[in-house]
Amino acid sequence: MRHLIFNPFSEEAWLIVRRYRNIPPRAFDLALSKVVERKSRIPSDILGDIEADILSFYVLLYSVAKFGKSSAEARKVKELIKDILKERILSEVFGKKKSIGKTIGRDEFFIKEIIKETFNVYEVEYRREFHAYVDNPKDYIAIEFREFLDILDRIDMTNLELVKGYVLMKLGEFLDIYGIENIIDAYLKKIEKKMDEILEKAKDIEFNRKFEKVFEAISKTIKREYKAKIKIKGGKLDVKRFPPCVKIAMQGVGSGYRNYAVTVLLTSFLSKARLGDKKELSESDVEILKNEILPIIYEAAERCSPPLFEDQPHEKKNIHYHLGFGLSEDIKLEDFGKSKWYMTPNCEKIKREAPKLCKPDDFCEKVKNPLSYYYKKIRE
């Protein structure tokens, strides 16, 4: 049963989950510890309560399911789970060693199982049609050739034994060619697809206070990481003095408000707040837009639900257009002026066209435009 700590979403694990009418408190505690303490390694007490560990992963997914699989919260949970499982697998594979070569030793069975769950592969020992092509069948695996298509540029095809659409090689050779971390990443991609299925099915699950507590921890983690990134990328901007509408837009919004929040409001506000209302730009101004402003805008777009560029990749060009560079792939000084550099919409317009962004505080009563809010705040 220990193997389930490396894939809590397998069919075997699901059979365990189905036995529980109510999720025990221990599973909620473990879910919280995974978020708050970022516990990835396998604690000794988990091995005595593997079922609670499995359930805790479902608690994480159930806590964000109602917001959709593309929400910032769901993406954060999937990222967290993949990080935990990757560290568990690497710890199991390497132990205290930093690298792995053709001698697999005690980890051979475990690695084979990971490979078999990830790729279309067979153990040659049990496929008699391959026996005539190798000296010792039990030392070989047969991998379907299409599994190598992504790495053809890294391998010498003349050295591969290709039989009936399968490549025959020793396990160590496959690891040396493909790379153990690449194998694990491919394995986790399959697990992510399973997580998306679970999120889709759990959209209408009853959302009680225990789930809410886990969700709040996830949400706080996202905000904390987000603030840390902004401090690095927007050194010349005082984020604390941004108006509420801009802060909401930067945290990512749902479908229906994404374009307005990112392309209209953030693009104009951040660029004007950083550079002022200039008629002409210099090369250094363009570098500031590239290195400081656009990364913040793109981060906000990624945090939207669903991520803005996922279904509207052309919107990056539209952002450049609103900055005054026309519908360009990239922003260059010589392109400035091909479109107008849009002004930041006033408060009345935001309230009318994107009411979910308008959550005024007491200071909002003193201004009529988000930029005015910012300028007055930094002069205080």
Protein backbone atom coordinates (compact mmCIF):
# COMPACT_ATOMS: atom_id res chain seq x y z
CA MET A 1 0.00 0.00 0.00
CA ARG A 2 3.01 2.29 0.45
CA HIS A 3 3.17 2.88 -3.32
CA LEU A 4 -0.03 4.95 -3.07
CA ILE A 5 1.87 7.84 -1.47
CA PHE A 6 3.44 8.41 -4.92
CA ASN A 7 0.11 8.41 -6.78
CA PRO A 8 -2.90 9.19 -4.58
CA PHE A 9 -5.11 9.41 -7.69
CA SER A 10 -4.70 5.85 -8.95
CA GLU A 11 -7.67 3.52 -9.29
CA GLU A 12 -6.55 1.68 -6.15
CA ALA A 13 -6.42 4.94 -4.19
CA TRP A 14 -9.87 5.94 -5.44
CA LEU A 15 -11.33 2.70 -4.09
CA ILE A 16 -10.05 3.74 -0.66
CA VAL A 17 -11.54 7.23 -0.96
CA ARG A 18 -14.93 5.80 -1.92
CA ARG A 19 -15.11 3.84 1.33
CA TYR A 20 -15.38 7.03 3.37
CA ARG A 21 -18.79 8.62 3.77
CA ASN A 22 -17.17 11.49 5.70
CA ILE A 23 -13.60 12.70 5.42
CA PRO A 24 -11.88 12.32 8.83
CA PRO A 25 -10.38 15.40 10.60
CA ARG A 26 -6.87 13.94 10.20
CA ALA A 27 -7.12 14.31 6.41
CA PHE A 28 -8.05 18.00 6.74
CA ASP A 29 -5.11 18.54 9.13
CA LEU A 30 -2.72 16.93 6.65
CA ALA A 31 -4.13 19.01 3.80
CA LEU A 32 -3.51 22.20 5.78
CA SER A 33 0.04 21.15 6.66
CA LYS A 34 0.76 20.56 2.96
CA VAL A 35 -0.31 24.14 2.20
CA VAL A 36 1.01 26.01 5.23
CA GLU A 37 4.18 24.06 5.97
CA ARG A 38 4.81 22.85 2.40
CA LYS A 39 5.47 19.35 3.73
CA SER A 40 6.73 17.28 0.81
CA ARG A 41 8.82 14.55 2.32
CA ILE A 42 7.23 11.42 3.69
CA PRO A 43 6.79 11.82 7.46
CA SER A 44 7.18 8.57 9.39
CA ASP A 45 3.67 8.93 10.84
CA ILE A 46 2.17 9.02 7.32
CA LEU A 47 3.26 5.45 6.69
CA GLY A 48 1.00 4.45 9.56
CA ASP A 49 -1.92 6.39 8.14
CA ILE A 50 -1.59 6.27 4.35
CA GLU A 51 -5.35 6.47 3.87
CA ALA A 52 -5.45 9.88 5.61
CA ASP A 53 -2.59 11.02 3.37
CA ILE A 54 -4.49 9.96 0.25
CA LEU A 55 -7.65 11.69 1.45
CA SER A 56 -5.73 14.90 2.17
CA PHE A 57 -4.90 15.26 -1.53
CA TYR A 58 -8.59 14.99 -2.37
CA VAL A 59 -9.35 17.59 0.32
CA LEU A 60 -6.98 19.99 -1.47
CA LEU A 61 -8.74 19.46 -4.79
CA TYR A 62 -12.25 19.55 -3.33
CA SER A 63 -11.45 22.84 -1.55
CA VAL A 64 -10.93 24.64 -4.88
CA ALA A 65 -13.14 22.60 -7.23
CA LYS A 66 -16.10 25.00 -7.28
CA PHE A 67 -13.86 27.74 -8.68
CA GLY A 68 -12.98 25.67 -11.76
CA LYS A 69 -9.85 23.80 -12.83
CA SER A 70 -8.37 26.93 -14.44
CA SER A 71 -8.79 29.18 -11.40
CA ALA A 72 -5.69 30.57 -9.69
CA GLU A 73 -6.51 28.47 -6.63
CA ALA A 74 -6.86 25.22 -8.59
CA ARG A 75 -3.63 25.88 -10.46
CA LYS A 76 -1.82 26.54 -7.20
CA VAL A 77 -3.14 23.28 -5.69
CA LYS A 78 -2.08 21.27 -8.75
CA GLU A 79 1.36 22.87 -8.63
CA LEU A 80 1.64 22.12 -4.91
CA ILE A 81 0.58 18.49 -5.32
CA LYS A 82 3.00 17.93 -8.21
CA ASP A 83 5.84 19.43 -6.15
CA ILE A 84 5.04 17.15 -3.22
CA LEU A 85 4.82 14.01 -5.35
CA LYS A 86 7.98 14.91 -7.28
CA GLU A 87 9.99 15.33 -4.09
CA ARG A 88 8.63 12.06 -2.72
CA ILE A 89 9.56 10.21 -5.91
CA LEU A 90 13.03 11.76 -6.13
CA SER A 91 13.64 10.94 -2.49
CA GLU A 92 12.64 7.33 -3.12
CA VAL A 93 14.77 7.06 -6.28
CA PHE A 94 17.93 8.78 -5.13
CA GLY A 95 17.90 8.51 -1.37
CA LYS A 96 21.03 10.39 -0.37
CA LYS A 97 22.61 10.01 -3.82
CA LYS A 98 22.60 12.93 -6.26
CA SER A 99 22.72 10.99 -9.51
CA ILE A 100 21.73 7.68 -10.97
CA GLY A 101 23.48 5.71 -13.67
CA LYS A 102 23.14 2.38 -15.39
CA THR A 103 23.30 0.47 -12.10
CA ILE A 104 19.86 0.87 -10.59
CA GLY A 105 20.13 -1.32 -7.51
CA ARG A 106 17.30 -1.28 -4.97
CA ASP A 107 15.30 1.33 -6.93
CA GLU A 108 14.94 -0.70 -10.13
CA PHE A 109 11.45 -2.03 -9.42
CA PHE A 110 10.16 1.39 -8.34
CA ILE A 111 11.58 3.16 -11.41
CA LYS A 112 10.18 0.51 -13.73
CA GLU A 113 6.74 1.02 -12.24
CA ILE A 114 6.95 4.80 -12.81
CA ILE A 115 8.04 4.24 -16.42
CA LYS A 116 5.27 1.68 -17.06
CA GLU A 117 2.64 4.10 -15.72
CA THR A 118 3.98 6.92 -17.89
CA PHE A 119 4.98 5.38 -21.21
CA ASN A 120 3.81 2.61 -23.50
CA VAL A 121 6.43 0.10 -22.37
CA TYR A 122 6.78 -3.63 -21.74
CA GLU A 123 9.28 -5.81 -19.94
CA VAL A 124 10.91 -7.91 -22.70
CA GLU A 125 11.09 -10.92 -20.38
CA TYR A 126 7.30 -11.31 -20.72
CA ARG A 127 7.06 -10.62 -24.50
CA ARG A 128 8.36 -13.68 -26.35
CA GLU A 129 8.27 -11.96 -29.76
CA PHE A 130 11.27 -9.85 -28.67
CA HIS A 131 13.42 -12.65 -27.21
CA ALA A 132 15.26 -13.43 -30.46
CA TYR A 133 16.67 -9.88 -30.63
CA VAL A 134 18.43 -9.70 -27.25
CA ASP A 135 20.85 -11.89 -25.28
CA ASN A 136 19.17 -11.70 -21.88
CA PRO A 137 15.46 -10.70 -22.16
CA LYS A 138 14.98 -9.98 -18.45
CA ASP A 139 17.54 -7.12 -18.67
CA TYR A 140 15.53 -5.25 -21.34
CA ILE A 141 12.43 -3.15 -21.73
CA ALA A 142 10.54 -2.42 -24.95
CA ILE A 143 9.41 1.19 -25.42
CA GLU A 144 7.08 2.24 -28.23
CA PHE A 145 9.07 4.34 -30.72
CA ARG A 146 6.67 7.30 -30.60
CA GLU A 147 7.75 7.89 -26.98
CA PHE A 148 11.11 9.06 -28.39
CA LEU A 149 9.69 11.65 -30.80
CA ASP A 150 10.16 14.53 -28.34
CA ILE A 151 13.83 13.75 -27.79
CA LEU A 152 15.01 12.67 -31.27
CA ASP A 153 17.44 15.59 -31.34
CA ARG A 154 19.20 14.21 -28.25
CA ILE A 155 19.73 10.59 -29.34
CA ASP A 156 21.66 8.65 -31.97
CA MET A 157 19.06 6.53 -33.75
CA THR A 158 21.73 4.28 -35.30
CA ASN A 159 22.44 2.77 -31.89
CA LEU A 160 18.83 1.85 -31.12
CA GLU A 161 17.42 -1.68 -31.58
CA LEU A 162 14.07 -1.05 -33.30
CA VAL A 163 11.74 -4.07 -33.53
CA LYS A 164 8.07 -3.98 -34.61
CA GLY A 165 7.69 -0.32 -33.66
CA TYR A 166 9.40 -0.75 -30.29
CA VAL A 167 12.88 0.21 -29.12
CA LEU A 168 14.63 -2.49 -27.06
CA MET A 169 17.11 -1.28 -24.46
CA LYS A 170 18.26 -1.76 -20.91
CA LEU A 171 16.58 0.27 -18.19
CA GLY A 172 19.79 2.18 -17.38
CA GLU A 173 20.21 3.13 -21.04
CA PHE A 174 16.67 4.51 -21.16
CA LEU A 175 17.33 6.57 -18.03
CA ASP A 176 20.56 7.93 -19.49
CA ILE A 177 18.80 8.95 -22.73
CA TYR A 178 15.57 10.31 -21.33
CA GLY A 179 16.69 11.53 -17.91
CA ILE A 180 15.02 10.51 -14.66
CA GLU A 181 13.64 14.01 -13.95
CA ASN A 182 12.11 14.18 -17.45
CA ILE A 183 10.49 10.80 -16.82
CA ILE A 184 9.08 12.02 -13.50
CA ASP A 185 7.78 15.24 -15.11
CA ALA A 186 6.01 13.17 -17.79
CA TYR A 187 4.55 10.99 -15.03
CA LEU A 188 3.26 14.08 -13.19
CA LYS A 189 1.65 15.43 -16.36
CA LYS A 190 -0.49 12.29 -16.46
CA ILE A 191 -1.38 12.79 -12.81
CA GLU A 192 -2.34 16.41 -13.55
CA LYS A 193 -4.84 15.20 -16.16
CA LYS A 194 -6.36 12.98 -13.50
CA MET A 195 -6.55 15.93 -11.11
CA ASP A 196 -8.42 17.94 -13.76
CA GLU A 197 -10.95 15.12 -14.06
CA ILE A 198 -11.46 15.09 -10.29
CA LEU A 199 -11.87 18.89 -10.18
CA GLU A 200 -14.46 18.73 -12.93
CA LYS A 201 -16.49 16.04 -11.15
CA ALA A 202 -16.27 17.76 -7.76
CA LYS A 203 -17.56 21.19 -8.84
CA ASP A 204 -20.84 20.74 -6.95
CA ILE A 205 -19.42 19.12 -3.81
CA GLU A 206 -20.78 20.45 -0.52
CA PHE A 207 -18.41 23.22 0.63
CA ASN A 208 -18.33 23.06 4.44
CA ARG A 209 -16.28 25.12 6.90
CA LYS A 210 -13.40 22.61 6.90
CA PHE A 211 -12.97 22.93 3.14
CA GLU A 212 -13.27 26.68 3.50
CA LYS A 213 -10.40 26.74 5.98
CA VAL A 214 -8.15 24.88 3.54
CA PHE A 215 -9.22 27.20 0.71
CA GLU A 216 -8.36 30.26 2.83
CA ALA A 217 -4.86 28.88 3.43
CA ILE A 218 -4.41 28.31 -0.31
CA SER A 219 -5.66 31.81 -1.09
CA LYS A 220 -3.27 33.36 1.46
CA THR A 221 -0.37 31.45 -0.08
CA ILE A 222 -1.18 32.82 -3.52
CA LYS A 223 -1.39 36.40 -2.23
CA ARG A 224 1.86 36.06 -0.26
CA GLU A 225 3.77 34.71 -3.26
CA TYR A 226 2.21 37.34 -5.48
CA LYS A 227 3.27 40.21 -3.20
CA ALA A 228 6.83 38.88 -3.10
CA LYS A 229 6.97 38.85 -6.90
CA ILE A 230 5.59 42.37 -7.21
CA LYS A 231 8.21 43.73 -4.81
CA ILE A 232 10.93 42.36 -7.05
CA LYS A 233 9.47 43.31 -10.42
CA GLY A 234 7.94 46.67 -9.65
CA GLY A 235 10.65 48.31 -7.59
CA LYS A 236 9.72 51.87 -8.62
CA LEU A 237 6.02 51.40 -7.94
CA ASP A 238 4.49 51.60 -4.48
CA VAL A 239 1.97 48.76 -4.65
CA LYS A 240 0.61 49.47 -1.17
CA ARG A 241 -0.76 52.79 -2.44
CA PHE A 242 -2.57 51.35 -5.46
CA PRO A 243 -6.37 51.84 -5.51
CA PRO A 244 -8.62 48.83 -4.71
CA CYS A 245 -9.67 48.30 -8.34
CA VAL A 246 -6.06 47.92 -9.48
CA LYS A 247 -5.23 45.53 -6.62
CA ILE A 248 -8.25 43.39 -7.54
CA ALA A 249 -7.20 43.35 -11.20
CA MET A 250 -3.64 42.34 -10.29
CA GLN A 251 -4.90 39.35 -8.32
CA GLY A 252 -6.66 37.97 -11.41
CA VAL A 253 -10.36 38.03 -12.22
CA GLY A 254 -12.94 35.71 -13.73
CA SER A 255 -14.23 35.38 -17.27
CA GLY A 256 -16.15 38.43 -18.43
CA TYR A 257 -13.83 40.91 -16.71
CA ARG A 258 -10.41 39.66 -17.77
CA ASN A 259 -9.90 41.86 -20.83
CA TYR A 260 -11.06 45.01 -19.09
CA ALA A 261 -9.06 44.35 -15.92
CA VAL A 262 -5.80 43.45 -17.68
CA THR A 263 -5.77 45.16 -21.07
CA VAL A 264 -7.73 48.32 -20.28
CA LEU A 265 -7.14 49.09 -16.59
CA LEU A 266 -3.80 47.54 -15.61
CA THR A 267 -2.00 48.34 -18.86
CA SER A 268 -2.86 52.02 -18.73
CA PHE A 269 -2.56 52.47 -14.97
CA LEU A 270 0.79 50.73 -14.45
CA SER A 271 2.47 52.31 -17.46
CA LYS A 272 1.25 55.85 -16.61
CA ALA A 273 2.01 55.44 -12.90
CA ARG A 274 5.58 54.37 -13.71
CA LEU A 275 6.42 56.66 -16.64
CA GLY A 276 3.97 59.53 -16.35
CA ASP A 277 1.92 60.92 -19.23
CA LYS A 278 4.72 61.36 -21.80
CA LYS A 279 4.33 62.36 -25.43
CA GLU A 280 7.59 60.67 -26.44
CA LEU A 281 9.39 57.64 -25.02
CA SER A 282 13.11 56.95 -24.77
CA GLU A 283 14.89 53.62 -25.15
CA SER A 284 15.17 53.39 -21.34
CA ASP A 285 11.38 53.96 -21.05
CA VAL A 286 10.76 51.02 -23.39
CA GLU A 287 13.11 48.87 -21.28
CA ILE A 288 11.13 49.81 -18.16
CA LEU A 289 7.91 48.75 -19.88
CA LYS A 290 9.49 45.44 -20.94
CA ASN A 291 11.25 44.57 -17.70
CA GLU A 292 8.97 46.06 -15.03
CA ILE A 293 5.48 46.74 -16.33
CA LEU A 294 4.71 43.95 -18.82
CA PRO A 295 5.78 41.16 -16.40
CA ILE A 296 3.27 42.45 -13.82
CA ILE A 297 0.53 42.64 -16.46
CA TYR A 298 1.32 39.13 -17.75
CA GLU A 299 1.32 37.76 -14.18
CA ALA A 300 -2.15 39.21 -13.62
CA ALA A 301 -3.32 37.71 -16.92
CA GLU A 302 -2.00 34.31 -15.84
CA ARG A 303 -3.85 34.54 -12.51
CA CYS A 304 -7.19 35.09 -14.24
CA SER A 305 -9.71 32.25 -14.39
CA PRO A 306 -9.17 30.92 -16.96
CA PRO A 307 -5.74 32.45 -17.70
CA LEU A 308 -6.28 35.24 -20.23
CA PHE A 309 -3.70 34.13 -22.79
CA GLU A 310 -4.80 30.49 -22.62
CA ASP A 311 -7.83 31.11 -24.83
CA GLN A 312 -6.90 34.59 -26.10
CA PRO A 313 -3.18 34.51 -27.01
CA HIS A 314 -3.71 37.51 -29.32
CA GLU A 315 -4.49 39.67 -26.27
CA LYS A 316 -0.76 40.28 -25.76
CA LYS A 317 -0.78 42.25 -29.03
CA ASN A 318 -3.80 44.17 -27.77
CA ILE A 319 -1.88 45.11 -24.62
CA HIS A 320 0.95 46.44 -26.80
CA TYR A 321 -1.66 48.34 -28.80
CA HIS A 322 -2.98 50.03 -25.64
CA LEU A 323 0.59 51.03 -24.75
CA GLY A 324 0.91 52.83 -28.09
CA PHE A 325 2.96 50.29 -30.06
CA GLY A 326 0.27 49.06 -32.45
CA LEU A 327 -0.61 45.37 -32.82
CA SER A 328 3.03 44.29 -32.50
CA GLU A 329 4.56 40.99 -31.36
CA ASP A 330 7.04 42.92 -29.23
CA ILE A 331 7.39 46.53 -28.14
CA LYS A 332 10.14 48.55 -29.86
CA LEU A 333 10.89 52.26 -29.67
CA GLU A 334 10.44 52.70 -33.42
CA ASP A 335 6.87 51.35 -33.15
CA PHE A 336 5.73 53.80 -30.48
CA GLY A 337 2.98 56.00 -31.86
CA LYS A 338 1.45 53.37 -34.15
CA SER A 339 -1.55 53.50 -31.82
CA LYS A 340 -2.50 55.85 -29.01
CA TRP A 341 -1.28 55.27 -25.48
CA TYR A 342 -4.57 54.80 -23.69
CA MET A 343 -5.50 56.89 -20.65
CA THR A 344 -6.54 55.16 -17.44
CA PRO A 345 -10.36 54.91 -17.31
CA ASN A 346 -12.00 57.08 -14.66
CA CYS A 347 -13.81 55.66 -11.65
CA GLU A 348 -17.27 56.22 -13.08
CA LYS A 349 -16.40 54.28 -16.23
CA ILE A 350 -14.89 51.38 -14.27
CA LYS A 351 -17.96 51.21 -12.03
CA ARG A 352 -20.22 51.15 -15.09
CA GLU A 353 -18.24 48.75 -17.34
CA ALA A 354 -16.57 46.47 -14.76
CA PRO A 355 -18.52 46.77 -11.48
CA LYS A 356 -16.80 43.76 -9.89
CA LEU A 357 -13.54 45.70 -9.94
CA CYS A 358 -15.04 48.63 -8.08
CA LYS A 359 -14.78 47.99 -4.32
CA PRO A 360 -14.13 51.54 -3.06
CA ASP A 361 -12.45 52.36 0.23
CA ASP A 362 -12.83 55.66 2.12
CA PHE A 363 -10.08 57.35 0.11
CA CYS A 364 -11.87 56.67 -3.20
CA GLU A 365 -14.42 59.36 -2.32
CA LYS A 366 -11.69 62.00 -2.74
CA VAL A 367 -10.77 61.09 -6.33
CA LYS A 368 -12.32 60.43 -9.73
CA ASN A 369 -9.55 58.39 -11.34
CA PRO A 370 -7.30 55.49 -10.16
CA LEU A 371 -4.18 57.48 -11.09
CA SER A 372 -5.33 60.42 -8.98
CA TYR A 373 -5.80 57.99 -6.08
CA TYR A 374 -2.22 56.77 -6.48
CA TYR A 375 -0.61 60.20 -6.87
CA LYS A 376 -2.44 61.61 -3.82
CA LYS A 377 -1.53 58.56 -1.74
CA ILE A 378 2.21 58.80 -2.51
CA ARG A 379 2.18 62.52 -1.64
CA GLU A 380 0.66 61.87 1.80
